[in-house]
């Protein structure tokens, strides 16, 4: 049984020419745009086309940290986004 290793182990997982988080975002946006349709669907597609270049200009791991800052995700053993002082 052959198993292939990626060339660079520290590189992000890539599906087509999207990163894994971008791929999930693209597929979910296209799915919702197809269901909603009309002008709202086209607005979602245009927002996606503007969001991806903006996201690529940010460092890797930007989206999970943005979700943490908005309070949508908690990191284990890490203070909350509203905490200003932290003592170990």
C-alpha atoms as a PDB file:
ATOM      1  CA  UNK A   1       0.000   0.000   0.000  1.00  0.00           C
ATOM      2  CA  UNK A   2       1.539   3.299  -1.113  1.00  0.00           C
ATOM      3  CA  UNK A   3       1.062   6.470   0.864  1.00  0.00           C
ATOM      4  CA  UNK A   4       2.078   9.877  -0.387  1.00  0.00           C
ATOM      5  CA  UNK A   5       3.401  12.640   1.793  1.00  0.00           C
ATOM      6  CA  UNK A   6       3.115  16.296   0.815  1.00  0.00           C
ATOM      7  CA  UNK A   7       6.313  17.962  -0.304  1.00  0.00           C
ATOM      8  CA  UNK A   8       6.157  20.547   2.481  1.00  0.00           C
ATOM      9  CA  UNK A   9       4.700  19.304   5.764  1.00  0.00           C
ATOM     10  CA  UNK A  10       4.114  22.812   7.105  1.00  0.00           C
ATOM     11  CA  UNK A  11       2.123  23.904   4.017  1.00  0.00           C
ATOM     12  CA  UNK A  12      -1.651  24.275   4.231  1.00  0.00           C
ATOM     13  CA  UNK A  13      -3.978  21.647   2.772  1.00  0.00           C
ATOM     14  CA  UNK A  14      -4.972  22.709  -0.725  1.00  0.00           C
ATOM     15  CA  UNK A  15      -8.048  21.637  -2.706  1.00  0.00           C
ATOM     16  CA  UNK A  16      -7.910  22.780  -6.335  1.00  0.00           C
ATOM     17  CA  UNK A  17      -6.336  26.234  -5.984  1.00  0.00           C
ATOM     18  CA  UNK A  18      -8.102  27.049  -2.690  1.00  0.00           C
ATOM     19  CA  UNK A  19      -6.946  26.460   0.855  1.00  0.00           C
ATOM     20  CA  UNK A  20      -9.144  24.211   2.970  1.00  0.00           C
ATOM     21  CA  UNK A  21     -10.934  27.091   4.708  1.00  0.00           C
ATOM     22  CA  UNK A  22     -11.441  28.918   1.404  1.00  0.00           C
ATOM     23  CA  UNK A  23     -12.816  25.768  -0.225  1.00  0.00           C
ATOM     24  CA  UNK A  24     -15.455  25.330   2.492  1.00  0.00           C
ATOM     25  CA  UNK A  25     -16.390  28.996   2.159  1.00  0.00           C
ATOM     26  CA  UNK A  26     -16.629  28.818  -1.654  1.00  0.00           C
ATOM     27  CA  UNK A  27     -18.739  25.644  -1.661  1.00  0.00           C
ATOM     28  CA  UNK A  28     -21.135  26.878   1.023  1.00  0.00           C
ATOM     29  CA  UNK A  29     -21.524  30.279  -0.664  1.00  0.00           C
ATOM     30  CA  UNK A  30     -22.237  28.711  -4.054  1.00  0.00           C
ATOM     31  CA  UNK A  31     -24.695  26.277  -2.457  1.00  0.00           C
ATOM     32  CA  UNK A  32     -26.595  29.066  -0.656  1.00  0.00           C
ATOM     33  CA  UNK A  33     -26.508  31.309  -3.752  1.00  0.00           C
ATOM     34  CA  UNK A  34     -27.984  28.498  -5.853  1.00  0.00           C
ATOM     35  CA  UNK A  35     -30.786  27.961  -3.346  1.00  0.00           C
ATOM     36  CA  UNK A  36     -31.583  31.650  -2.821  1.00  0.00           C
ATOM     37  CA  UNK A  37     -31.006  32.656  -6.434  1.00  0.00           C
ATOM     38  CA  UNK A  38     -31.836  35.987  -7.996  1.00  0.00           C
ATOM     39  CA  UNK A  39     -30.135  39.200  -6.994  1.00  0.00           C
ATOM     40  CA  UNK A  40     -29.238  37.965  -3.501  1.00  0.00           C
ATOM     41  CA  UNK A  41     -27.372  34.986  -4.982  1.00  0.00           C
ATOM     42  CA  UNK A  42     -25.359  37.252  -7.268  1.00  0.00           C
ATOM     43  CA  UNK A  43     -24.552  39.555  -4.353  1.00  0.00           C
ATOM     44  CA  UNK A  44     -23.230  36.551  -2.404  1.00  0.00           C
ATOM     45  CA  UNK A  45     -21.030  35.505  -5.329  1.00  0.00           C
ATOM     46  CA  UNK A  46     -19.695  39.073  -5.733  1.00  0.00           C
ATOM     47  CA  UNK A  47     -18.998  39.287  -1.993  1.00  0.00           C
ATOM     48  CA  UNK A  48     -17.087  36.016  -2.229  1.00  0.00           C
ATOM     49  CA  UNK A  49     -15.030  37.340  -5.162  1.00  0.00           C
ATOM     50  CA  UNK A  50     -14.099  40.377  -3.069  1.00  0.00           C
ATOM     51  CA  UNK A  51     -13.474  38.412   0.131  1.00  0.00           C
ATOM     52  CA  UNK A  52     -10.988  35.838  -1.210  1.00  0.00           C
ATOM     53  CA  UNK A  53      -8.317  38.355  -2.386  1.00  0.00           C
ATOM     54  CA  UNK A  54      -8.736  40.253   0.890  1.00  0.00           C
ATOM     55  CA  UNK A  55      -8.298  37.039   2.881  1.00  0.00           C
ATOM     56  CA  UNK A  56      -5.205  36.062   0.893  1.00  0.00           C
ATOM     57  CA  UNK A  57      -3.573  39.363   1.842  1.00  0.00           C
ATOM     58  CA  UNK A  58      -3.824  38.371   5.531  1.00  0.00           C
ATOM     59  CA  UNK A  59      -1.542  35.900   7.363  1.00  0.00           C
ATOM     60  CA  UNK A  60      -2.370  32.200   7.581  1.00  0.00           C
ATOM     61  CA  UNK A  61      -4.848  31.382  10.367  1.00  0.00           C
ATOM     62  CA  UNK A  62      -6.517  34.780  10.166  1.00  0.00           C
ATOM     63  CA  UNK A  63     -10.109  33.462   9.970  1.00  0.00           C
ATOM     64  CA  UNK A  64     -10.029  31.337  13.161  1.00  0.00           C
ATOM     65  CA  UNK A  65      -8.543  34.273  15.065  1.00  0.00           C
ATOM     66  CA  UNK A  66     -11.176  36.594  13.639  1.00  0.00           C
ATOM     67  CA  UNK A  67     -13.896  34.157  14.764  1.00  0.00           C
ATOM     68  CA  UNK A  68     -12.247  34.096  18.208  1.00  0.00           C
ATOM     69  CA  UNK A  69     -12.235  37.886  18.349  1.00  0.00           C
ATOM     70  CA  UNK A  70     -15.958  37.993  17.519  1.00  0.00           C
ATOM     71  CA  UNK A  71     -16.658  35.402  20.228  1.00  0.00           C
ATOM     72  CA  UNK A  72     -17.762  32.620  17.858  1.00  0.00           C
ATOM     73  CA  UNK A  73     -14.939  30.191  18.755  1.00  0.00           C
ATOM     74  CA  UNK A  74     -13.031  29.454  21.958  1.00  0.00           C
ATOM     75  CA  UNK A  75      -9.440  28.268  21.968  1.00  0.00           C
ATOM     76  CA  UNK A  76      -8.588  25.827  24.727  1.00  0.00           C
ATOM     77  CA  UNK A  77      -6.317  27.226  27.478  1.00  0.00           C
ATOM     78  CA  UNK A  78      -6.493  30.699  25.936  1.00  0.00           C
ATOM     79  CA  UNK A  79      -8.124  33.817  27.415  1.00  0.00           C
ATOM     80  CA  UNK A  80     -11.306  35.217  25.928  1.00  0.00           C
ATOM     81  CA  UNK A  81     -11.353  38.115  23.446  1.00  0.00           C
ATOM     82  CA  UNK A  82     -12.546  40.670  26.007  1.00  0.00           C
ATOM     83  CA  UNK A  83      -9.886  39.823  28.586  1.00  0.00           C
ATOM     84  CA  UNK A  84      -7.321  42.602  28.925  1.00  0.00           C
ATOM     85  CA  UNK A  85      -5.077  41.075  31.625  1.00  0.00           C
ATOM     86  CA  UNK A  86      -3.810  37.499  31.774  1.00  0.00           C
ATOM     87  CA  UNK A  87      -1.816  35.849  34.564  1.00  0.00           C
ATOM     88  CA  UNK A  88      -0.312  32.401  34.012  1.00  0.00           C
END
